[in-house]
C-alpha atoms as a PDB file:
ATOM      1  CA  MET A   1       0.000   0.000   0.000  1.00  0.00           C
ATOM      2  CA  ARG A   2       1.123   3.515  -0.757  1.00  0.00           C
ATOM      3  CA  PHE A   3       0.073   6.442   1.401  1.00  0.00           C
ATOM      4  CA  GLU A   4       0.155  10.200   1.088  1.00  0.00           C
ATOM      5  CA  HIS A   5       1.508  11.688   4.318  1.00  0.00           C
ATOM      6  CA  LYS A   6       1.549  15.432   5.035  1.00  0.00           C
ATOM      7  CA  GLY A   7       0.853  16.173   1.368  1.00  0.00           C
ATOM      8  CA  ALA A   8       3.691  14.000  -0.001  1.00  0.00           C
ATOM      9  CA  SER A   9       3.197  10.789  -1.963  1.00  0.00           C
ATOM     10  CA  PRO A  10       5.757   8.121  -2.830  1.00  0.00           C
ATOM     11  CA  LYS A  11       7.603   8.467  -6.151  1.00  0.00           C
ATOM     12  CA  ILE A  12       8.476   5.026  -7.441  1.00  0.00           C
ATOM     13  CA  ASP A  13      10.275   4.307 -10.694  1.00  0.00           C
ATOM     14  CA  ALA A  14       8.125   2.287 -13.105  1.00  0.00           C
ATOM     15  CA  SER A  15      10.726  -0.498 -13.200  1.00  0.00           C
ATOM     16  CA  ALA A  16      10.757  -0.980  -9.407  1.00  0.00           C
ATOM     17  CA  VAL A  17       8.808  -3.915  -7.983  1.00  0.00           C
ATOM     18  CA  ILE A  18       6.821  -3.288  -4.803  1.00  0.00           C
ATOM     19  CA  ALA A  19       5.114  -6.216  -3.052  1.00  0.00           C
ATOM     20  CA  PRO A  20       1.396  -5.669  -2.450  1.00  0.00           C
ATOM     21  CA  THR A  21       1.854  -6.052   1.314  1.00  0.00           C
ATOM     22  CA  ALA A  22       4.655  -3.477   1.573  1.00  0.00           C
ATOM     23  CA  VAL A  23       3.743  -0.077   3.059  1.00  0.00           C
ATOM     24  CA  ILE A  24       5.314   3.044   1.574  1.00  0.00           C
ATOM     25  CA  SER A  25       4.282   6.323   3.150  1.00  0.00           C
ATOM     26  CA  GLY A  26       5.054   9.975   2.428  1.00  0.00           C
ATOM     27  CA  ASP A  27       8.072  11.571   0.776  1.00  0.00           C
ATOM     28  CA  VAL A  28       9.717   8.355  -0.431  1.00  0.00           C
ATOM     29  CA  THR A  29      11.617   8.036  -3.724  1.00  0.00           C
ATOM     30  CA  ILE A  30      12.539   4.571  -5.019  1.00  0.00           C
ATOM     31  CA  GLY A  31      14.904   4.226  -7.978  1.00  0.00           C
ATOM     32  CA  ALA A  32      14.996   2.037 -11.047  1.00  0.00           C
ATOM     33  CA  ASP A  33      14.967  -1.746 -10.754  1.00  0.00           C
ATOM     34  CA  SER A  34      14.693  -1.686  -6.970  1.00  0.00           C
ATOM     35  CA  GLN A  35      12.632  -4.220  -5.029  1.00  0.00           C
ATOM     36  CA  VAL A  36      10.579  -3.848  -1.843  1.00  0.00           C
ATOM     37  CA  LEU A  37       9.430  -7.230  -0.543  1.00  0.00           C
ATOM     38  CA  HIS A  38       6.416  -8.352   1.497  1.00  0.00           C
ATOM     39  CA  GLY A  39       5.830  -6.708   4.841  1.00  0.00           C
ATOM     40  CA  ALA A  40       8.492  -4.025   4.438  1.00  0.00           C
ATOM     41  CA  ILE A  41       7.575  -0.586   5.810  1.00  0.00           C
ATOM     42  CA  ILE A  42       9.165   2.562   4.404  1.00  0.00           C
ATOM     43  CA  THR A  43       7.814   5.659   6.141  1.00  0.00           C
ATOM     44  CA  ALA A  44       8.964   9.257   5.766  1.00  0.00           C
ATOM     45  CA  GLU A  45       8.274  10.866   9.148  1.00  0.00           C
ATOM     46  CA  GLY A  46       9.029  14.499   8.315  1.00  0.00           C
ATOM     47  CA  GLY A  47      12.191  13.989   6.264  1.00  0.00           C
ATOM     48  CA  PRO A  48      12.554  12.360   2.855  1.00  0.00           C
ATOM     49  CA  ILE A  49      13.674   8.825   2.107  1.00  0.00           C
ATOM     50  CA  VAL A  50      15.621   8.224  -1.092  1.00  0.00           C
ATOM     51  CA  ILE A  51      16.381   4.665  -2.180  1.00  0.00           C
ATOM     52  CA  GLY A  52      18.688   4.309  -5.168  1.00  0.00           C
ATOM     53  CA  GLU A  53      18.738   1.950  -8.114  1.00  0.00           C
ATOM     54  CA  HIS A  54      18.951  -1.843  -7.877  1.00  0.00           C
ATOM     55  CA  ALA A  55      18.382  -1.708  -4.118  1.00  0.00           C
ATOM     56  CA  ILE A  56      16.524  -4.475  -2.303  1.00  0.00           C
ATOM     57  CA  VAL A  57      14.507  -3.971   0.881  1.00  0.00           C
ATOM     58  CA  MET A  58      13.615  -7.437   2.123  1.00  0.00           C
ATOM     59  CA  GLU A  59      10.705  -8.861   4.093  1.00  0.00           C
ATOM     60  CA  ASN A  60       9.583  -7.029   7.226  1.00  0.00           C
ATOM     61  CA  ALA A  61      12.394  -4.466   7.127  1.00  0.00           C
ATOM     62  CA  VAL A  62      11.541  -1.005   8.498  1.00  0.00           C
ATOM     63  CA  VAL A  63      13.027   2.180   7.041  1.00  0.00           C
ATOM     64  CA  ARG A  64      12.029   5.401   8.840  1.00  0.00           C
ATOM     65  CA  SER A  65      13.186   9.000   8.460  1.00  0.00           C
ATOM     66  CA  SER A  66      12.697  12.028  10.685  1.00  0.00           C
ATOM     67  CA  ALA A  67      12.761  15.754  10.035  1.00  0.00           C
ATOM     68  CA  ALA A  68      16.248  15.931  11.542  1.00  0.00           C
ATOM     69  CA  ASP A  69      17.523  12.738   9.916  1.00  0.00           C
ATOM     70  CA  PRO A  70      16.407  11.919   6.362  1.00  0.00           C
ATOM     71  CA  VAL A  71      17.314   8.502   4.968  1.00  0.00           C
ATOM     72  CA  THR A  72      19.405   7.757   1.920  1.00  0.00           C
ATOM     73  CA  ILE A  73      20.047   4.210   0.732  1.00  0.00           C
ATOM     74  CA  GLY A  74      22.442   4.064  -2.190  1.00  0.00           C
ATOM     75  CA  ASP A  75      22.527   1.987  -5.354  1.00  0.00           C
ATOM     76  CA  HIS A  76      23.026  -1.784  -5.193  1.00  0.00           C
ATOM     77  CA  CYS A  77      22.293  -2.056  -1.464  1.00  0.00           C
ATOM     78  CA  LEU A  78      20.589  -4.978   0.226  1.00  0.00           C
ATOM     79  CA  ILE A  79      18.545  -4.345   3.377  1.00  0.00           C
ATOM     80  CA  GLY A  80      17.975  -7.712   5.026  1.00  0.00           C
ATOM     81  CA  PRO A  81      14.799  -9.186   6.493  1.00  0.00           C
ATOM     82  CA  GLN A  82      13.630  -7.734   9.818  1.00  0.00           C
ATOM     83  CA  SER A  83      16.294  -5.040   9.792  1.00  0.00           C
ATOM     84  CA  SER A  84      15.546  -1.511  10.968  1.00  0.00           C
ATOM     85  CA  ILE A  85      17.025   1.711   9.633  1.00  0.00           C
ATOM     86  CA  SER A  86      16.101   4.987  11.283  1.00  0.00           C
ATOM     87  CA  GLY A  87      17.420   8.303  10.000  1.00  0.00           C
ATOM     88  CA  ALA A  88      20.652   6.983   8.480  1.00  0.00           C
ATOM     89  CA  VAL A  89      22.688   7.495   5.320  1.00  0.00           C
ATOM     90  CA  ILE A  90      23.854   4.314   3.607  1.00  0.00           C
ATOM     91  CA  ALA A  91      26.268   4.632   0.686  1.00  0.00           C
ATOM     92  CA  ASP A  92      26.334   2.455  -2.437  1.00  0.00           C
ATOM     93  CA  GLU A  93      26.957  -1.312  -2.420  1.00  0.00           C
ATOM     94  CA  VAL A  94      26.270  -1.858   1.284  1.00  0.00           C
ATOM     95  CA  PHE A  95      25.051  -5.165   2.721  1.00  0.00           C
ATOM     96  CA  ILE A  96      22.753  -4.888   5.740  1.00  0.00           C
ATOM     97  CA  ALA A  97      22.039  -8.410   7.014  1.00  0.00           C
ATOM     98  CA  THR A  98      19.011  -9.907   8.758  1.00  0.00           C
ATOM     99  CA  GLY A  99      18.008  -8.269  12.035  1.00  0.00           C
ATOM    100  CA  VAL A 100      20.434  -5.339  11.860  1.00  0.00           C
ATOM    101  CA  ARG A 101      19.554  -2.111  13.711  1.00  0.00           C
ATOM    102  CA  ILE A 102      20.874   1.233  12.441  1.00  0.00           C
ATOM    103  CA  PHE A 103      20.009   4.384  14.396  1.00  0.00           C
ATOM    104  CA  ASN A 104      19.521   8.085  13.695  1.00  0.00           C
ATOM    105  CA  GLY A 105      22.437  10.061  12.337  1.00  0.00           C
ATOM    106  CA  ALA A 106      24.471   6.965  11.434  1.00  0.00           C
ATOM    107  CA  ARG A 107      26.570   6.967   8.251  1.00  0.00           C
ATOM    108  CA  ILE A 108      27.571   3.692   6.575  1.00  0.00           C
ATOM    109  CA  GLY A 109      30.408   3.951   4.056  1.00  0.00           C
ATOM    110  CA  ARG A 110      30.427   2.445   0.587  1.00  0.00           C
ATOM    111  CA  GLY A 111      31.015  -1.292   0.303  1.00  0.00           C
ATOM    112  CA  SER A 112      30.447  -1.963   4.001  1.00  0.00           C
ATOM    113  CA  GLU A 113      28.847  -5.030   5.576  1.00  0.00           C
ATOM    114  CA  VAL A 114      26.779  -4.955   8.739  1.00  0.00           C
ATOM    115  CA  ARG A 115      26.258  -8.603   9.574  1.00  0.00           C
ATOM    116  CA  ILE A 116      23.381 -10.513  11.221  1.00  0.00           C
ATOM    117  CA  ASN A 117      21.887  -8.857  14.327  1.00  0.00           C
ATOM    118  CA  ALA A 118      24.596  -6.206  14.495  1.00  0.00           C
ATOM    119  CA  VAL A 119      23.880  -2.649  15.682  1.00  0.00           C
ATOM    120  CA  VAL A 120      25.167   0.650  14.320  1.00  0.00           C
ATOM    121  CA  HIS A 121      24.329   3.117  17.022  1.00  0.00           C
ATOM    122  CA  LEU A 122      23.212   6.726  17.015  1.00  0.00           C
ATOM    123  CA  ARG A 123      25.491   9.183  15.162  1.00  0.00           C
ATOM    124  CA  THR A 124      28.035   6.454  14.414  1.00  0.00           C
ATOM    125  CA  ARG A 125      30.162   6.686  11.269  1.00  0.00           C
ATOM    126  CA  LEU A 126      31.549   3.637   9.513  1.00  0.00           C
ATOM    127  CA  PRO A 127      34.191   4.317   6.856  1.00  0.00           C
ATOM    128  CA  ASP A 128      34.069   2.692   3.431  1.00  0.00           C
ATOM    129  CA  ASN A 129      34.520  -1.099   3.364  1.00  0.00           C
ATOM    130  CA  SER A 130      33.835  -1.553   7.078  1.00  0.00           C
ATOM    131  CA  VAL A 131      32.594  -4.809   8.576  1.00  0.00           C
ATOM    132  CA  VAL A 132      30.521  -5.049  11.748  1.00  0.00           C
ATOM    133  CA  PRO A 133      30.669  -8.718  12.852  1.00  0.00           C
ATOM    134  CA  ILE A 134      27.619 -10.833  13.658  1.00  0.00           C
ATOM    135  CA  GLY A 135      25.904  -9.480  16.758  1.00  0.00           C
ATOM    136  CA  TRP A 136      28.493  -6.763  17.409  1.00  0.00           C
ATOM    137  CA  ILE A 137      27.863  -3.079  18.123  1.00  0.00           C
ATOM    138  CA  ALA A 138      29.441  -0.149  16.289  1.00  0.00           C
ATOM    139  CA  VAL A 139      29.335   3.091  18.238  1.00  0.00           C
ATOM    140  CA  GLY A 140      30.929   6.521  17.920  1.00  0.00           C
ATOM    141  CA  ASP A 141      32.619   8.759  15.393  1.00  0.00           C
ATOM    142  CA  PRO A 142      34.983   7.305  14.429  1.00  0.00           C
ATOM    143  CA  ALA A 143      33.240   3.994  15.034  1.00  0.00           C
ATOM    144  CA  GLN A 144      34.515   1.601  17.639  1.00  0.00           C
ATOM    145  CA  LEU A 145      33.459  -2.059  17.452  1.00  0.00           C
ATOM    146  CA  PHE A 146      32.421  -3.984  20.554  1.00  0.00           C
ATOM    147  CA  SER A 147      31.209  -7.512  21.206  1.00  0.00           C
ATOM    148  CA  PRO A 148      27.843  -7.475  23.002  1.00  0.00           C
ATOM    149  CA  ASP A 149      29.341  -8.650  26.303  1.00  0.00           C
ATOM    150  CA  ARG A 150      31.219  -5.330  26.704  1.00  0.00           C
ATOM    151  CA  HIS A 151      28.213  -3.271  27.786  1.00  0.00           C
ATOM    152  CA  GLU A 152      30.053  -0.913  30.131  1.00  0.00           C
ATOM    153  CA  GLU A 153      32.537   0.044  27.395  1.00  0.00           C
ATOM    154  CA  ILE A 154      29.705   0.505  24.900  1.00  0.00           C
ATOM    155  CA  TRP A 155      27.781   2.641  27.388  1.00  0.00           C
ATOM    156  CA  ALA A 156      30.838   4.840  28.032  1.00  0.00           C
ATOM    157  CA  VAL A 157      30.800   5.860  24.356  1.00  0.00           C
ATOM    158  CA  GLN A 158      27.054   5.660  23.818  1.00  0.00           C
ATOM    159  CA  ARG A 159      26.099   7.917  26.753  1.00  0.00           C
ATOM    160  CA  GLU A 160      27.890  10.875  25.170  1.00  0.00           C
ATOM    161  CA  LEU A 161      25.928  10.358  21.930  1.00  0.00           C
ATOM    162  CA  ASP A 162      22.785  11.265  23.947  1.00  0.00           C
ATOM    163  CA  PHE A 163      19.984   9.213  22.385  1.00  0.00           C
ATOM    164  CA  PRO A 164      17.034  10.901  24.195  1.00  0.00           C
ATOM    165  CA  GLY A 165      18.447  14.372  23.590  1.00  0.00           C
ATOM    166  CA  TYR A 166      19.339  13.809  19.952  1.00  0.00           C
ATOM    167  CA  VAL A 167      16.211  11.932  18.879  1.00  0.00           C
ATOM    168  CA  PHE A 168      13.551  13.349  21.211  1.00  0.00           C
ATOM    169  CA  GLY A 169      15.013  16.640  22.484  1.00  0.00           C
ATOM    170  CA  LEU A 170      14.798  15.481  26.105  1.00  0.00           C
ATOM    171  CA  ASP A 171      17.412  15.411  28.855  1.00  0.00           C
ATOM    172  CA  ARG A 172      18.173  11.845  29.984  1.00  0.00           C
ATOM    173  CA  ASP A 173      17.925  13.007  33.618  1.00  0.00           C
ATOM    174  CA  THR A 174      14.340  14.275  33.247  1.00  0.00           C
ATOM    175  CA  PRO A 175      12.436  12.685  36.184  1.00  0.00           C
ATOM    176  CA  ASP A 176       9.469  11.640  34.025  1.00  0.00           C
ATOM    177  CA  LEU A 177      11.508  10.974  30.888  1.00  0.00           C
ATOM    178  CA  MET A 178       9.358   8.152  29.520  1.00  0.00           C
ATOM    179  CA  VAL A 179       6.131  10.081  30.165  1.00  0.00           C
ATOM    180  CA  GLN A 180       7.384  13.079  28.198  1.00  0.00           C
ATOM    181  CA  LEU A 181       9.016  10.931  25.521  1.00  0.00           C
ATOM    182  CA  THR A 182       5.953   8.791  24.804  1.00  0.00           C
ATOM    183  CA  GLU A 183       3.518  11.709  24.879  1.00  0.00           C
ATOM    184  CA  ARG A 184       5.681  13.780  22.523  1.00  0.00           C
ATOM    185  CA  TYR A 185       6.308  10.871  20.143  1.00  0.00           C
ATOM    186  CA  ALA A 186       2.659   9.792  20.145  1.00  0.00           C
ATOM    187  CA  ALA A 187       1.608  13.334  19.202  1.00  0.00           C
ATOM    188  CA  HIS A 188       4.133  13.256  16.355  1.00  0.00           C
ATOM    189  CA  LEU A 189       2.942   9.876  15.089  1.00  0.00           C
ATOM    190  CA  ALA A 190      -0.707  10.946  15.318  1.00  0.00           C
ATOM    191  CA  ARG A 191      -0.109  12.997  12.188  1.00  0.00           C
ATOM    192  CA  HIS A 192      -0.736   9.740  10.315  1.00  0.00           C
ATOM    193  CA  ARG A 193      -4.396  10.071  11.250  1.00  0.00           C
ATOM    194  CA  ASP A 194      -5.026  12.043   8.055  1.00  0.00           C
ATOM    195  CA  ASP A 195      -2.992   9.859   5.686  1.00  0.00           C
ATOM    196  CA  GLN A 196      -4.735   8.875   2.476  1.00  0.00           C
ATOM    197  CA  PRO A 197      -4.066   6.010   0.075  1.00  0.00           C
ATOM    198  CA  ALA A 198      -1.902   7.275  -2.802  1.00  0.00           C
ATOM    199  CA  GLU A 199      -2.542   6.401  -6.411  1.00  0.00           C
END
């Protein structure tokens, strides 16, 4: 299904193939010969999403932009099943494996591989031809790679990247952080109330 969101409708090249159960919403551009498979959700939440040519977004992947962090996915990229990309820039010829999570402000260099269940955290930059191993976490600029058992080291870098401040504009030490965060985000998402099916 294709939806108009906030006056913007998806622009999809005639040669692209979009599964009937995929959802594409708002200011989304999909290039020539690209594929979006069943259950994928591509939603422009205030900022545009541009997917290049010969890109593949596989089953149940989620691609989401924000006003502060548009999404670009380059040519010849593969976005694996059940992966999630939020507000990131992905250069050409990048492999994003099954179950990968990529967060706002991240930049993935050309020819990189982010392997199964790996995480590229908020505002992290991977240079060209990087590899994030299976289940590992990339965090920081420049990126540091950590195995998942090194939580305290990850947190030491991650805390300074300030997820609630960067994404939601809220101080982590706010006493009712989750109350403010969920109310603010729910109000933002409620803008979908007026979405209309696009032709």
